[in-house]
Amino acid sequence: MTDPAITRAEMQVVESAMGTPAPPSRGRHRRRVTVRSATGQVLLYAMLALITVLYVYPFLVQVATSFKTEAEAASDPVSLLPQTFTIAAYERLFLHSDFPLWFANSAVVTICVTVGRVFFVSLAGYALARLRFRGRGVVFAIVVGVMAVPTVVLLIPKFLVLNQLGLYDSYAGMILPLLVDAAGVFIMKNFFESIPVEVEEQARIDGAGSFRVFWSVVLPMARPALITIVILSFQGSWNELSHFIVSTQSPALTTLTKGVASLASGQLSQGTQYPLKLAAAALMTIPVAVLFFIFQKRIMNTSEGAVKG
């Protein structure tokens, strides 16, 4: 029998003396795996950094060009450091153009559309997910079908309907057609179906009605989906252009997208006007970026709370 006092090292010495090969060492293999993993991570991060630069660089050029003079923007358009720093483009936008009016119109329409769309798509999604009524499958099929229809196809019918109803060239004509979105209904329906039915049944036992269950029980649980709808609705309505082209013609109802498009076509003056156009585009991206970063933190907090619970 083997003496228990003999250590593993002594056993290896004895086996080596007897001609028995010792088990292969794994140190070199582990070292090779570690070197390969480190090399792969370095290459991965380098590729990600290159992709980031390719995406961020045009935005940096846009911001830098907005602070250049006309001559410098035309002679050196891709440099990130203006030789002559000036805010003439921003002064011209706010003091000698209708940019503040465009911004105000876009803000009013976007806020109304975002609030209304969150409410209505939540109601529609809950009805399709929980309420049993005849034709529910047909209604959902129509919603999915609308998602497949290109927006351009609906422009002329949308103009005819707005004109017939007397909503053309008004805030109502700009807002009402955007209050419901098929993609939002689809997202909310799928999320509501993931919520256990037992939660709603317990509320109904306590005497709550259908709307009460929806508003006080189910809707707070759908906060991640609601945040998604808020971001998509805000971004979509803020950047909307085709709908505003067919729904308005008055300069007093011009939104940022229409106004910036008119700047790109040389409305204010002749020439390239690169600083002016890019300054307007840079200001236009700020609200969407701020909203995204704010609600990104809310999404992270919501997930952490769900995990802790």
Protein backbone atom coordinates (compact mmCIF):
# COMPACT_ATOMS: atom_id res chain seq x y z
CA MET A 1 0.00 0.00 0.00
CA THR A 2 1.10 3.52 -0.68
CA ASP A 3 2.32 5.52 2.24
CA PRO A 4 -0.07 8.45 2.74
CA ALA A 5 2.85 10.55 3.84
CA ILE A 6 4.30 10.48 0.31
CA THR A 7 3.48 13.70 -1.42
CA ARG A 8 2.52 14.17 -5.05
CA ALA A 9 5.92 15.63 -5.84
CA GLU A 10 7.66 12.57 -4.40
CA MET A 11 5.41 10.31 -6.45
CA GLN A 12 6.41 12.18 -9.62
CA VAL A 13 10.12 11.78 -8.71
CA VAL A 14 9.65 8.04 -8.14
CA GLU A 15 7.72 7.58 -11.40
CA SER A 16 10.37 9.53 -13.30
CA ALA A 17 13.09 7.33 -11.83
CA MET A 18 11.16 4.20 -12.79
CA GLY A 19 10.78 5.40 -16.37
CA THR A 20 7.09 6.26 -16.12
CA PRO A 21 6.42 9.49 -18.01
CA ALA A 22 5.09 12.32 -15.86
CA PRO A 23 1.78 13.95 -16.83
CA PRO A 24 2.24 16.80 -19.30
CA SER A 25 2.43 20.27 -17.89
CA ARG A 26 -0.49 22.56 -18.68
CA GLY A 27 1.31 25.80 -18.02
CA ARG A 28 2.43 26.36 -21.59
CA HIS A 29 -1.01 25.50 -22.97
CA ARG A 30 -2.69 27.95 -20.63
CA ARG A 31 -0.12 30.58 -21.55
CA ARG A 32 -0.82 30.07 -25.26
CA VAL A 33 -4.58 30.33 -24.67
CA THR A 34 -4.07 33.52 -22.64
CA VAL A 35 -1.91 35.11 -25.34
CA ARG A 36 -4.40 34.20 -28.05
CA SER A 37 -7.31 35.58 -26.01
CA ALA A 38 -5.48 38.83 -25.33
CA THR A 39 -4.57 39.19 -29.00
CA GLY A 40 -8.18 38.58 -30.03
CA GLN A 41 -9.47 41.17 -27.55
CA VAL A 42 -6.97 43.74 -28.77
CA LEU A 43 -8.03 43.19 -32.38
CA LEU A 44 -11.70 43.34 -31.41
CA TYR A 45 -11.32 46.62 -29.53
CA ALA A 46 -9.25 48.07 -32.34
CA MET A 47 -11.98 47.20 -34.85
CA LEU A 48 -14.67 48.68 -32.57
CA ALA A 49 -12.62 51.85 -32.14
CA LEU A 50 -12.26 52.17 -35.91
CA ILE A 51 -16.01 51.74 -36.41
CA THR A 52 -16.67 54.33 -33.68
CA VAL A 53 -14.38 56.83 -35.38
CA LEU A 54 -16.12 56.25 -38.73
CA TYR A 55 -19.51 56.97 -37.15
CA VAL A 56 -18.51 59.85 -34.88
CA TYR A 57 -16.15 61.70 -37.22
CA PRO A 58 -18.88 63.10 -39.55
CA PHE A 59 -20.75 64.48 -36.53
CA LEU A 60 -17.57 66.12 -35.23
CA VAL A 61 -16.97 67.63 -38.67
CA GLN A 62 -20.53 68.95 -38.64
CA VAL A 63 -20.07 70.67 -35.27
CA ALA A 64 -16.63 72.04 -36.17
CA THR A 65 -17.79 73.39 -39.52
CA SER A 66 -20.65 75.25 -37.87
CA PHE A 67 -18.04 77.43 -36.10
CA LYS A 68 -16.00 78.16 -39.26
CA THR A 69 -16.19 81.03 -41.68
CA GLU A 70 -17.64 80.58 -45.15
CA ALA A 71 -14.24 80.67 -46.84
CA GLU A 72 -12.65 78.19 -44.43
CA ALA A 73 -15.58 75.80 -44.65
CA ALA A 74 -15.30 75.76 -48.42
CA SER A 75 -11.50 75.42 -48.53
CA ASP A 76 -11.01 72.93 -45.66
CA PRO A 77 -14.35 71.24 -44.97
CA VAL A 78 -13.16 68.16 -43.03
CA SER A 79 -10.83 69.73 -40.47
CA LEU A 80 -11.88 69.50 -36.82
CA LEU A 81 -10.15 72.67 -35.61
CA PRO A 82 -11.45 75.97 -37.03
CA GLN A 83 -8.68 78.42 -37.79
CA THR A 84 -11.05 81.31 -37.12
CA PHE A 85 -13.63 80.47 -34.45
CA THR A 86 -16.93 82.28 -35.03
CA ILE A 87 -20.57 81.91 -34.01
CA ALA A 88 -21.89 83.92 -36.94
CA ALA A 89 -23.90 80.94 -38.23
CA TYR A 90 -25.76 80.55 -34.91
CA GLU A 91 -26.38 84.29 -34.64
CA ARG A 92 -27.86 84.28 -38.11
CA LEU A 93 -30.09 81.30 -37.31
CA PHE A 94 -31.57 82.83 -34.16
CA LEU A 95 -31.60 86.51 -35.12
CA HIS A 96 -32.09 86.62 -38.88
CA SER A 97 -34.18 83.55 -39.72
CA ASP A 98 -37.33 81.73 -38.64
CA PHE A 99 -35.36 79.02 -36.85
CA PRO A 100 -36.91 79.77 -33.40
CA LEU A 101 -40.39 79.43 -34.93
CA TRP A 102 -39.44 76.14 -36.58
CA PHE A 103 -38.06 74.86 -33.31
CA ALA A 104 -41.21 75.85 -31.41
CA ASN A 105 -43.50 74.17 -33.96
CA SER A 106 -41.49 70.97 -33.84
CA ALA A 107 -41.50 71.01 -30.03
CA VAL A 108 -45.29 71.45 -29.82
CA VAL A 109 -46.04 68.75 -32.39
CA THR A 110 -43.48 66.29 -30.97
CA ILE A 111 -44.67 66.60 -27.37
CA CYS A 112 -48.33 66.20 -28.33
CA VAL A 113 -47.61 63.25 -30.62
CA THR A 114 -45.39 61.50 -28.07
CA VAL A 115 -47.89 61.79 -25.20
CA GLY A 116 -50.86 60.84 -27.36
CA ARG A 117 -49.11 57.96 -29.07
CA VAL A 118 -47.95 56.42 -25.79
CA PHE A 119 -51.52 56.52 -24.46
CA PHE A 120 -53.32 55.24 -27.55
CA VAL A 121 -50.88 52.50 -28.55
CA SER A 122 -50.90 51.25 -24.96
CA LEU A 123 -54.70 51.03 -25.02
CA ALA A 124 -54.71 49.31 -28.40
CA GLY A 125 -51.95 46.90 -27.42
CA TYR A 126 -53.73 45.96 -24.19
CA ALA A 127 -57.03 45.43 -26.01
CA LEU A 128 -55.42 43.11 -28.56
CA ALA A 129 -53.50 41.23 -25.88
CA ARG A 130 -56.19 40.73 -23.23
CA LEU A 131 -59.71 41.56 -24.42
CA ARG A 132 -61.64 38.83 -26.22
CA PHE A 133 -63.80 40.22 -29.00
CA ARG A 134 -64.89 39.12 -32.44
CA GLY A 135 -62.46 40.06 -35.19
CA ARG A 136 -59.47 40.53 -32.90
CA GLY A 137 -57.24 38.43 -35.17
CA VAL A 138 -58.34 40.41 -38.22
CA VAL A 139 -57.57 43.70 -36.50
CA PHE A 140 -54.10 42.51 -35.51
CA ALA A 141 -53.49 41.27 -39.06
CA ILE A 142 -54.41 44.73 -40.36
CA VAL A 143 -51.98 46.33 -37.89
CA VAL A 144 -49.18 44.05 -39.08
CA GLY A 145 -50.13 44.77 -42.69
CA VAL A 146 -49.94 48.52 -42.15
CA MET A 147 -46.36 48.08 -40.93
CA ALA A 148 -45.47 46.64 -44.35
CA VAL A 149 -46.92 49.57 -46.33
CA PRO A 150 -44.31 52.19 -47.37
CA THR A 151 -44.97 55.67 -46.02
CA VAL A 152 -44.67 57.25 -49.47
CA VAL A 153 -47.68 55.28 -50.70
CA LEU A 154 -49.92 56.95 -48.10
CA LEU A 155 -48.93 60.57 -48.79
CA ILE A 156 -51.56 61.39 -51.43
CA PRO A 157 -54.44 59.61 -49.58
CA LYS A 158 -53.37 61.39 -46.40
CA PHE A 159 -53.49 64.77 -48.14
CA LEU A 160 -56.94 64.04 -49.59
CA VAL A 161 -58.35 62.96 -46.22
CA LEU A 162 -56.94 65.97 -44.38
CA ASN A 163 -58.26 68.35 -47.03
CA GLN A 164 -61.70 66.72 -46.99
CA LEU A 165 -61.96 66.92 -43.20
CA GLY A 166 -60.83 70.54 -43.10
CA LEU A 167 -57.65 69.72 -41.17
CA TYR A 168 -55.20 70.76 -43.85
CA ASP A 169 -52.68 73.43 -42.85
CA SER A 170 -53.41 73.24 -39.12
CA TYR A 171 -51.88 71.87 -35.96
CA ALA A 172 -54.63 69.26 -35.81
CA GLY A 173 -53.71 68.00 -39.27
CA MET A 174 -50.07 67.77 -38.21
CA ILE A 175 -50.75 65.93 -34.94
CA LEU A 176 -53.81 63.68 -35.31
CA PRO A 177 -52.52 61.36 -38.07
CA LEU A 178 -49.39 60.65 -36.02
CA LEU A 179 -51.10 59.75 -32.75
CA VAL A 180 -51.25 56.01 -33.50
CA ASP A 181 -48.41 53.92 -34.86
CA ALA A 182 -48.74 50.29 -35.97
CA ALA A 183 -45.25 49.39 -34.76
CA GLY A 184 -46.05 50.81 -31.32
CA VAL A 185 -49.24 48.76 -31.09
CA PHE A 186 -47.29 45.65 -32.08
CA ILE A 187 -44.62 46.29 -29.40
CA MET A 188 -47.13 46.95 -26.63
CA LYS A 189 -49.26 43.91 -27.52
CA ASN A 190 -46.28 41.58 -27.33
CA PHE A 191 -45.14 43.08 -24.03
CA PHE A 192 -48.59 42.86 -22.42
CA GLU A 193 -48.81 39.21 -23.41
CA SER A 194 -45.60 38.55 -21.46
CA ILE A 195 -47.18 39.82 -18.21
CA PRO A 196 -48.77 37.01 -16.13
CA VAL A 197 -52.57 36.98 -16.23
CA GLU A 198 -52.69 36.12 -12.52
CA VAL A 199 -51.69 39.69 -11.66
CA GLU A 200 -54.76 41.07 -13.39
CA GLU A 201 -57.05 38.39 -11.96
CA GLN A 202 -56.02 39.34 -8.43
CA ALA A 203 -56.89 42.98 -9.15
CA ARG A 204 -60.27 42.00 -10.57
CA ILE A 205 -61.01 39.96 -7.44
CA ASP A 206 -60.43 43.14 -5.46
CA GLY A 207 -63.13 44.84 -7.57
CA ALA A 208 -61.08 46.71 -10.18
CA GLY A 209 -62.55 47.20 -13.66
CA SER A 210 -60.81 46.64 -16.98
CA PHE A 211 -59.52 50.20 -17.33
CA ARG A 212 -58.50 50.31 -13.68
CA VAL A 213 -56.53 47.10 -14.10
CA PHE A 214 -54.88 48.51 -17.22
CA TRP A 215 -54.04 51.90 -15.74
CA SER A 216 -53.00 50.98 -12.20
CA VAL A 217 -51.65 47.44 -12.51
CA VAL A 218 -50.52 46.53 -16.01
CA LEU A 219 -49.27 49.89 -17.33
CA PRO A 220 -46.73 50.48 -14.51
CA MET A 221 -45.32 47.02 -15.19
CA ALA A 222 -44.86 47.93 -18.87
CA ARG A 223 -42.40 50.74 -18.14
CA PRO A 224 -39.56 49.34 -20.34
CA ALA A 225 -41.93 49.08 -23.31
CA LEU A 226 -43.32 52.56 -22.60
CA ILE A 227 -39.82 54.03 -22.55
CA THR A 228 -39.15 52.38 -25.89
CA ILE A 229 -42.35 53.89 -27.33
CA VAL A 230 -41.43 57.32 -25.95
CA ILE A 231 -38.01 57.24 -27.60
CA LEU A 232 -39.33 55.97 -30.94
CA SER A 233 -42.27 58.40 -30.94
CA PHE A 234 -40.17 61.42 -30.05
CA GLN A 235 -37.48 60.59 -32.58
CA GLY A 236 -39.97 59.74 -35.32
CA SER A 237 -42.15 62.84 -34.92
CA TRP A 238 -39.15 65.16 -34.42
CA ASN A 239 -37.52 63.92 -37.64
CA GLU A 240 -40.76 63.59 -39.63
CA LEU A 241 -40.73 65.38 -42.98
CA SER A 242 -43.02 63.76 -45.54
CA HIS A 243 -46.16 64.09 -43.41
CA PHE A 244 -45.55 67.79 -42.76
CA ILE A 245 -45.00 68.40 -46.47
CA VAL A 246 -48.49 67.12 -47.36
CA SER A 247 -50.28 68.47 -44.27
CA THR A 248 -49.14 72.12 -44.20
CA GLN A 249 -48.15 74.93 -46.50
CA SER A 250 -48.19 77.99 -44.24
CA PRO A 251 -44.76 79.38 -43.23
CA ALA A 252 -46.12 79.83 -39.70
CA LEU A 253 -46.46 76.03 -39.35
CA THR A 254 -43.03 75.13 -40.73
CA THR A 255 -41.19 72.57 -38.61
CA LEU A 256 -37.47 72.07 -38.19
CA THR A 257 -37.27 69.35 -40.82
CA LYS A 258 -38.96 71.51 -43.44
CA GLY A 259 -36.96 74.56 -42.41
CA VAL A 260 -33.60 72.80 -42.51
CA ALA A 261 -34.55 71.29 -45.86
CA SER A 262 -35.25 74.78 -47.16
CA LEU A 263 -31.87 75.92 -45.86
CA ALA A 264 -30.22 73.07 -47.72
CA SER A 265 -31.87 74.30 -50.91
CA GLY A 266 -30.45 77.80 -50.38
CA GLN A 267 -33.49 79.68 -49.10
CA LEU A 268 -31.74 82.37 -47.08
CA SER A 269 -29.00 83.27 -49.52
CA GLN A 270 -26.87 82.11 -52.42
CA GLY A 271 -23.78 79.99 -52.07
CA THR A 272 -22.93 76.86 -50.14
CA GLN A 273 -23.66 78.22 -46.65
CA TYR A 274 -22.08 75.16 -45.02
CA PRO A 275 -21.72 76.69 -41.51
CA LEU A 276 -25.35 77.82 -41.50
CA LYS A 277 -26.75 74.47 -42.65
CA LEU A 278 -24.60 72.40 -40.36
CA ALA A 279 -25.32 74.65 -37.37
CA ALA A 280 -29.04 74.09 -37.91
CA ALA A 281 -28.48 70.33 -38.24
CA ALA A 282 -26.37 70.24 -35.06
CA LEU A 283 -29.02 72.08 -33.04
CA MET A 284 -31.67 69.75 -34.41
CA THR A 285 -29.91 66.67 -33.05
CA ILE A 286 -29.60 67.94 -29.47
CA PRO A 287 -33.14 67.16 -28.14
CA VAL A 288 -33.13 63.61 -29.49
CA ALA A 289 -29.67 62.93 -28.05
CA VAL A 290 -30.62 64.35 -24.64
CA LEU A 291 -33.83 62.30 -24.52
CA PHE A 292 -32.00 59.12 -25.46
CA PHE A 293 -29.36 59.48 -22.75
CA ILE A 294 -31.96 60.35 -20.10
CA PHE A 295 -34.18 57.38 -20.84
CA GLN A 296 -31.20 55.08 -21.29
CA LYS A 297 -30.48 55.59 -17.59
CA ARG A 298 -34.13 54.95 -16.79
CA ILE A 299 -33.99 51.66 -18.69
CA MET A 300 -30.91 50.60 -16.72
CA ASN A 301 -32.52 51.54 -13.41
CA THR A 302 -35.68 49.65 -14.31
CA SER A 303 -33.70 46.51 -15.11
CA GLU A 304 -31.71 46.76 -11.90
CA GLY A 305 -34.88 47.15 -9.87
CA ALA A 306 -36.41 44.11 -11.50
CA VAL A 307 -33.34 42.03 -10.74
CA LYS A 308 -33.22 43.14 -7.11
CA GLY A 309 -36.91 42.42 -6.67
